[in-house]
Amino acid sequence: MHERLKKIRKNLRLTQEFVAKQMGMSRTTIVAIESGNRDVTAAELAAFSDLYGVPMEELIHGNVTNEGKAVMFARTFSELSDMDQAEIISLMRFKKRYKESLHA
């Protein structure tokens, strides 16, 4: 699990310092967790899940579900400006039309 926590943090481009501050921990604690030298409590796991926007199941087992992807997308999407949201919607429509044209 420690490797998944580290990988997700890096994929989100969050620093250990940022995560530590958000979690109310020291950076040393985050380093210990990510290196497998410290176990994660249930409360900490829930906090990582909230911070990273991924289901706890994914953190524990590495199962990335469509639901988990949708939740992460929705959280991130809602934080964008209206203009950025419109751009992403246009890109999604374009990608859908493009895929359909490949199968036509």
C-alpha atoms as a PDB file:
ATOM      1  CA  MET A   1       0.000   0.000   0.000  1.00  0.00           C
ATOM      2  CA  HIS A   2       2.865   2.389   0.741  1.00  0.00           C
ATOM      3  CA  GLU A   3       3.999   2.213  -2.885  1.00  0.00           C
ATOM      4  CA  ARG A   4       0.483   3.042  -4.111  1.00  0.00           C
ATOM      5  CA  LEU A   5       0.297   6.043  -1.787  1.00  0.00           C
ATOM      6  CA  LYS A   6       3.604   7.331  -3.131  1.00  0.00           C
ATOM      7  CA  LYS A   7       2.661   6.666  -6.765  1.00  0.00           C
ATOM      8  CA  ILE A   8      -0.709   8.403  -6.461  1.00  0.00           C
ATOM      9  CA  ARG A   9       0.882  11.399  -4.708  1.00  0.00           C
ATOM     10  CA  LYS A  10       3.442  11.710  -7.491  1.00  0.00           C
ATOM     11  CA  ASN A  11       0.792  11.276 -10.207  1.00  0.00           C
ATOM     12  CA  LEU A  12      -1.145  14.126  -8.624  1.00  0.00           C
ATOM     13  CA  ARG A  13       2.112  16.133  -8.526  1.00  0.00           C
ATOM     14  CA  LEU A  14       1.813  16.767  -4.817  1.00  0.00           C
ATOM     15  CA  THR A  15       4.893  17.220  -2.666  1.00  0.00           C
ATOM     16  CA  GLN A  16       5.442  15.342   0.560  1.00  0.00           C
ATOM     17  CA  GLU A  17       5.472  18.705   2.307  1.00  0.00           C
ATOM     18  CA  PHE A  18       2.034  19.606   0.924  1.00  0.00           C
ATOM     19  CA  VAL A  19       0.553  16.225   1.859  1.00  0.00           C
ATOM     20  CA  ALA A  20       2.048  16.422   5.340  1.00  0.00           C
ATOM     21  CA  LYS A  21       0.569  19.879   5.902  1.00  0.00           C
ATOM     22  CA  GLN A  22      -2.867  18.844   4.626  1.00  0.00           C
ATOM     23  CA  MET A  23      -2.814  15.690   6.756  1.00  0.00           C
ATOM     24  CA  GLY A  24      -1.530  17.437   9.899  1.00  0.00           C
ATOM     25  CA  MET A  25       1.627  15.300   9.896  1.00  0.00           C
ATOM     26  CA  SER A  26       5.318  15.916   9.554  1.00  0.00           C
ATOM     27  CA  ARG A  27       7.088  15.292   6.264  1.00  0.00           C
ATOM     28  CA  THR A  28       9.125  12.644   8.100  1.00  0.00           C
ATOM     29  CA  THR A  29       5.912  10.749   8.811  1.00  0.00           C
ATOM     30  CA  ILE A  30       4.917  10.847   5.134  1.00  0.00           C
ATOM     31  CA  VAL A  31       8.383   9.586   4.179  1.00  0.00           C
ATOM     32  CA  ALA A  32       8.066   6.741   6.697  1.00  0.00           C
ATOM     33  CA  ILE A  33       4.612   5.786   5.378  1.00  0.00           C
ATOM     34  CA  GLU A  34       5.673   5.896   1.723  1.00  0.00           C
ATOM     35  CA  SER A  35       8.783   3.834   2.418  1.00  0.00           C
ATOM     36  CA  GLY A  36       6.812   1.190   4.321  1.00  0.00           C
ATOM     37  CA  ASN A  37       8.478   1.927   7.659  1.00  0.00           C
ATOM     38  CA  ARG A  38       5.218   3.040   9.285  1.00  0.00           C
ATOM     39  CA  ASP A  39       1.733   1.573   9.086  1.00  0.00           C
ATOM     40  CA  VAL A  40      -1.241   3.728   8.171  1.00  0.00           C
ATOM     41  CA  THR A  41      -4.186   3.948  10.551  1.00  0.00           C
ATOM     42  CA  ALA A  42      -7.755   3.657   9.301  1.00  0.00           C
ATOM     43  CA  ALA A  43      -8.313   7.364   9.971  1.00  0.00           C
ATOM     44  CA  GLU A  44      -5.158   8.270   8.029  1.00  0.00           C
ATOM     45  CA  LEU A  45      -6.227   6.020   5.155  1.00  0.00           C
ATOM     46  CA  ALA A  46      -9.562   7.835   4.996  1.00  0.00           C
ATOM     47  CA  ALA A  47      -7.726  11.176   5.008  1.00  0.00           C
ATOM     48  CA  PHE A  48      -5.419  10.047   2.167  1.00  0.00           C
ATOM     49  CA  SER A  49      -8.500   8.889   0.247  1.00  0.00           C
ATOM     50  CA  ASP A  50     -10.153  12.298   0.654  1.00  0.00           C
ATOM     51  CA  LEU A  51      -6.989  14.248  -0.159  1.00  0.00           C
ATOM     52  CA  TYR A  52      -6.088  12.184  -3.222  1.00  0.00           C
ATOM     53  CA  GLY A  53      -9.682  11.831  -4.410  1.00  0.00           C
ATOM     54  CA  VAL A  54      -9.510   8.055  -4.754  1.00  0.00           C
ATOM     55  CA  PRO A  55     -11.548   5.330  -3.059  1.00  0.00           C
ATOM     56  CA  MET A  56      -9.948   3.609  -0.064  1.00  0.00           C
ATOM     57  CA  GLU A  57     -10.269   0.297  -1.930  1.00  0.00           C
ATOM     58  CA  GLU A  58      -7.861   1.617  -4.541  1.00  0.00           C
ATOM     59  CA  LEU A  59      -5.376   2.648  -1.865  1.00  0.00           C
ATOM     60  CA  ILE A  60      -5.586  -0.729  -0.150  1.00  0.00           C
ATOM     61  CA  HIS A  61      -5.832  -3.116  -3.087  1.00  0.00           C
ATOM     62  CA  GLY A  62      -4.833  -1.056  -6.102  1.00  0.00           C
ATOM     63  CA  ASN A  63      -8.158  -1.675  -7.821  1.00  0.00           C
ATOM     64  CA  VAL A  64      -8.929   1.333  -9.978  1.00  0.00           C
ATOM     65  CA  THR A  65     -12.635   1.162 -10.675  1.00  0.00           C
ATOM     66  CA  ASN A  66     -14.571   3.226 -13.176  1.00  0.00           C
ATOM     67  CA  GLU A  67     -16.399   4.672 -10.188  1.00  0.00           C
ATOM     68  CA  GLY A  68     -13.076   5.733  -8.660  1.00  0.00           C
ATOM     69  CA  LYS A  69     -11.992   7.367 -11.906  1.00  0.00           C
ATOM     70  CA  ALA A  70     -15.332   9.165 -12.172  1.00  0.00           C
ATOM     71  CA  VAL A  71     -15.099  10.465  -8.606  1.00  0.00           C
ATOM     72  CA  MET A  72     -11.567  11.749  -9.159  1.00  0.00           C
ATOM     73  CA  PHE A  73     -12.598  13.383 -12.444  1.00  0.00           C
ATOM     74  CA  ALA A  74     -15.678  14.999 -10.901  1.00  0.00           C
ATOM     75  CA  ARG A  75     -13.726  16.450  -7.973  1.00  0.00           C
ATOM     76  CA  THR A  76     -11.031  17.859 -10.207  1.00  0.00           C
ATOM     77  CA  PHE A  77     -13.454  19.065 -12.897  1.00  0.00           C
ATOM     78  CA  SER A  78     -15.594  20.979 -10.402  1.00  0.00           C
ATOM     79  CA  GLU A  79     -12.544  22.953  -9.250  1.00  0.00           C
ATOM     80  CA  LEU A  80     -11.812  24.263 -12.762  1.00  0.00           C
ATOM     81  CA  SER A  81     -12.991  27.549 -14.210  1.00  0.00           C
ATOM     82  CA  ASP A  82     -16.034  27.590 -16.486  1.00  0.00           C
ATOM     83  CA  MET A  83     -13.762  28.192 -19.455  1.00  0.00           C
ATOM     84  CA  ASP A  84     -11.550  25.191 -18.591  1.00  0.00           C
ATOM     85  CA  GLN A  85     -14.621  23.008 -18.084  1.00  0.00           C
ATOM     86  CA  ALA A  86     -15.976  24.011 -21.496  1.00  0.00           C
ATOM     87  CA  GLU A  87     -12.612  23.202 -23.085  1.00  0.00           C
ATOM     88  CA  ILE A  88     -12.550  19.736 -21.521  1.00  0.00           C
ATOM     89  CA  ILE A  89     -16.123  19.024 -22.610  1.00  0.00           C
ATOM     90  CA  SER A  90     -15.206  20.048 -26.164  1.00  0.00           C
ATOM     91  CA  LEU A  91     -12.177  17.760 -26.068  1.00  0.00           C
ATOM     92  CA  MET A  92     -14.297  14.854 -24.839  1.00  0.00           C
ATOM     93  CA  ARG A  93     -16.810  15.397 -27.646  1.00  0.00           C
ATOM     94  CA  PHE A  94     -13.988  15.580 -30.189  1.00  0.00           C
ATOM     95  CA  LYS A  95     -12.424  12.340 -28.884  1.00  0.00           C
ATOM     96  CA  LYS A  96     -15.776  10.572 -29.048  1.00  0.00           C
ATOM     97  CA  ARG A  97     -16.420  11.704 -32.639  1.00  0.00           C
ATOM     98  CA  TYR A  98     -12.869  10.759 -33.616  1.00  0.00           C
ATOM     99  CA  LYS A  99     -13.235   7.233 -32.205  1.00  0.00           C
ATOM    100  CA  GLU A 100     -16.579   6.834 -33.926  1.00  0.00           C
ATOM    101  CA  SER A 101     -15.029   7.886 -37.259  1.00  0.00           C
ATOM    102  CA  LEU A 102     -12.348   5.194 -36.888  1.00  0.00           C
ATOM    103  CA  HIS A 103     -14.992   2.492 -36.527  1.00  0.00           C
ATOM    104  CA  ALA A 104     -17.211   3.764 -39.354  1.00  0.00           C
END
